[in-house]
Amino acid sequence: MLRKFSSAMFAAVFGLVLTCAVARAQASDDQNAKQNRSAKITGQTMTVTGCLTQDEKEKNEYLITGEDGKTWGLKSSSVKLHDHLNHKVTVTGKVTKEGHENEAGDLNVSNLQMVSQSCQ
């Protein structure tokens, strides 16, 4: 009887250890995949259409939430973003920083096209 209990206990502990090892390996793979996506997207040109708003935290940064629900931080030295606040626009720019806080990343805007003077 003690031998059966011992075998059952060993099997349970072994199963738990195996499950933990698999979970840890998957978490590591997820982290590596996220880092690889970050490396791939930084420097790429992106186009996003959505409502242009100003970031409440940073005076010189603007935000756009695309139709896919992702929010991007926007900066530009060549496009006057302030002139298009609360307009629906399409912006094109290079990704300068991958996701942080609640943003998908930052874009350095090189082109802006107004879609509508309202966000609706």
Protein backbone atom coordinates (compact mmCIF):
# COMPACT_ATOMS: atom_id res chain seq x y z
CA MET A 1 0.00 0.00 0.00
CA LEU A 2 2.84 2.39 0.90
CA ARG A 3 4.56 1.53 -2.37
CA LYS A 4 1.43 2.48 -4.39
CA PHE A 5 1.15 5.76 -2.51
CA SER A 6 4.84 6.47 -3.13
CA SER A 7 4.48 5.78 -6.86
CA ALA A 8 1.38 7.96 -7.12
CA MET A 9 3.09 10.79 -5.25
CA PHE A 10 6.15 10.52 -7.49
CA ALA A 11 3.97 10.61 -10.62
CA ALA A 12 2.11 13.68 -9.34
CA VAL A 13 5.30 15.57 -8.52
CA PHE A 14 6.88 14.60 -11.83
CA GLY A 15 3.77 15.78 -13.70
CA LEU A 16 3.82 19.10 -11.86
CA VAL A 17 7.51 19.65 -12.63
CA LEU A 18 6.97 18.79 -16.29
CA THR A 19 3.98 21.15 -16.54
CA CYS A 20 5.99 24.01 -14.98
CA ALA A 21 8.88 23.39 -17.38
CA VAL A 22 6.60 23.51 -20.43
CA ALA A 23 4.89 26.69 -19.20
CA ARG A 24 8.23 28.38 -18.62
CA ALA A 25 9.47 27.41 -22.08
CA GLN A 26 6.33 28.84 -23.68
CA ALA A 27 6.67 32.11 -21.73
CA SER A 28 10.27 32.39 -22.87
CA ASP A 29 9.23 31.78 -26.50
CA ASP A 30 6.52 34.48 -26.20
CA GLN A 31 9.08 36.97 -24.86
CA ASN A 32 11.53 36.14 -27.66
CA ALA A 33 8.79 36.51 -30.28
CA LYS A 34 7.83 39.93 -28.89
CA GLN A 35 11.46 41.08 -28.97
CA ASN A 36 11.82 39.84 -32.56
CA ARG A 37 8.66 41.74 -33.61
CA SER A 38 10.05 44.87 -31.96
CA ALA A 39 13.30 44.58 -33.85
CA LYS A 40 11.45 44.06 -37.11
CA ILE A 41 9.01 46.98 -36.80
CA THR A 42 11.42 49.71 -35.63
CA GLY A 43 12.56 51.68 -38.67
CA GLN A 44 9.70 50.51 -40.86
CA THR A 45 7.29 52.92 -42.52
CA MET A 46 3.73 52.71 -41.20
CA THR A 47 0.48 54.33 -42.33
CA VAL A 48 -2.29 54.86 -39.78
CA THR A 49 -5.75 56.41 -40.22
CA GLY A 50 -7.64 57.72 -37.21
CA CYS A 51 -8.43 60.68 -34.97
CA LEU A 52 -5.51 62.98 -34.11
CA THR A 53 -5.41 64.04 -30.45
CA GLN A 54 -2.82 65.64 -28.21
CA ASP A 55 -1.10 63.64 -25.49
CA GLU A 56 -2.08 65.02 -22.09
CA LYS A 57 1.25 64.02 -20.53
CA GLU A 58 3.64 65.31 -23.18
CA LYS A 59 3.02 68.74 -24.71
CA ASN A 60 4.81 68.08 -28.00
CA GLU A 61 3.45 64.58 -28.63
CA TYR A 62 0.27 63.69 -30.40
CA LEU A 63 -1.68 60.45 -30.52
CA ILE A 64 -3.63 58.61 -33.17
CA THR A 65 -5.76 55.53 -32.64
CA GLY A 66 -5.96 53.55 -35.84
CA GLU A 67 -8.94 51.66 -37.16
CA ASP A 68 -7.34 48.49 -35.75
CA GLY A 69 -7.55 49.95 -32.22
CA LYS A 70 -3.79 50.49 -31.81
CA THR A 71 -2.67 53.86 -30.47
CA TRP A 72 0.53 55.45 -31.78
CA GLY A 73 2.53 58.36 -30.40
CA LEU A 74 3.27 60.92 -33.11
CA LYS A 75 6.01 63.52 -33.48
CA SER A 76 7.17 65.46 -36.50
CA SER A 77 9.55 68.25 -37.36
CA SER A 78 8.19 68.63 -40.91
CA VAL A 79 4.39 68.26 -40.45
CA LYS A 80 2.32 70.65 -38.32
CA LEU A 81 0.32 68.09 -36.35
CA HIS A 82 -1.26 70.74 -34.12
CA ASP A 83 -3.17 72.15 -37.13
CA HIS A 84 -5.07 68.86 -37.42
CA LEU A 85 -6.15 68.24 -33.81
CA ASN A 86 -9.46 66.37 -33.60
CA HIS A 87 -9.45 65.70 -37.35
CA LYS A 88 -9.57 62.27 -38.93
CA VAL A 89 -6.25 61.94 -40.76
CA THR A 90 -3.96 59.44 -42.40
CA VAL A 91 -0.35 59.72 -41.28
CA THR A 92 2.72 58.02 -42.66
CA GLY A 93 6.02 57.81 -40.85
CA LYS A 94 8.82 55.66 -39.57
CA VAL A 95 8.48 53.67 -36.37
CA THR A 96 11.02 55.12 -33.94
CA LYS A 97 10.07 53.13 -30.87
CA GLU A 98 8.17 49.88 -30.36
CA GLY A 99 5.27 49.65 -27.92
CA HIS A 100 5.45 51.25 -24.50
CA GLU A 101 2.86 52.03 -21.85
CA ASN A 102 -0.49 52.00 -23.71
CA GLU A 103 0.93 52.68 -27.17
CA ALA A 104 1.76 50.38 -30.05
CA GLY A 105 4.82 52.55 -30.63
CA ASP A 106 5.99 55.96 -31.80
CA LEU A 107 5.95 57.31 -35.34
CA ASN A 108 8.03 60.14 -36.78
CA VAL A 109 5.42 61.54 -39.19
CA SER A 110 6.64 62.53 -42.66
CA ASN A 111 3.25 62.86 -44.39
CA LEU A 112 -0.30 63.72 -43.30
CA GLN A 113 -3.49 63.66 -45.33
CA MET A 114 -6.73 64.99 -43.88
CA VAL A 115 -9.66 62.60 -44.25
CA SER A 116 -12.28 64.63 -42.38
CA GLN A 117 -12.45 67.75 -40.20
CA SER A 118 -14.17 65.69 -37.52
CA CYS A 119 -13.31 62.39 -35.96
CA GLN A 120 -16.64 60.79 -36.83
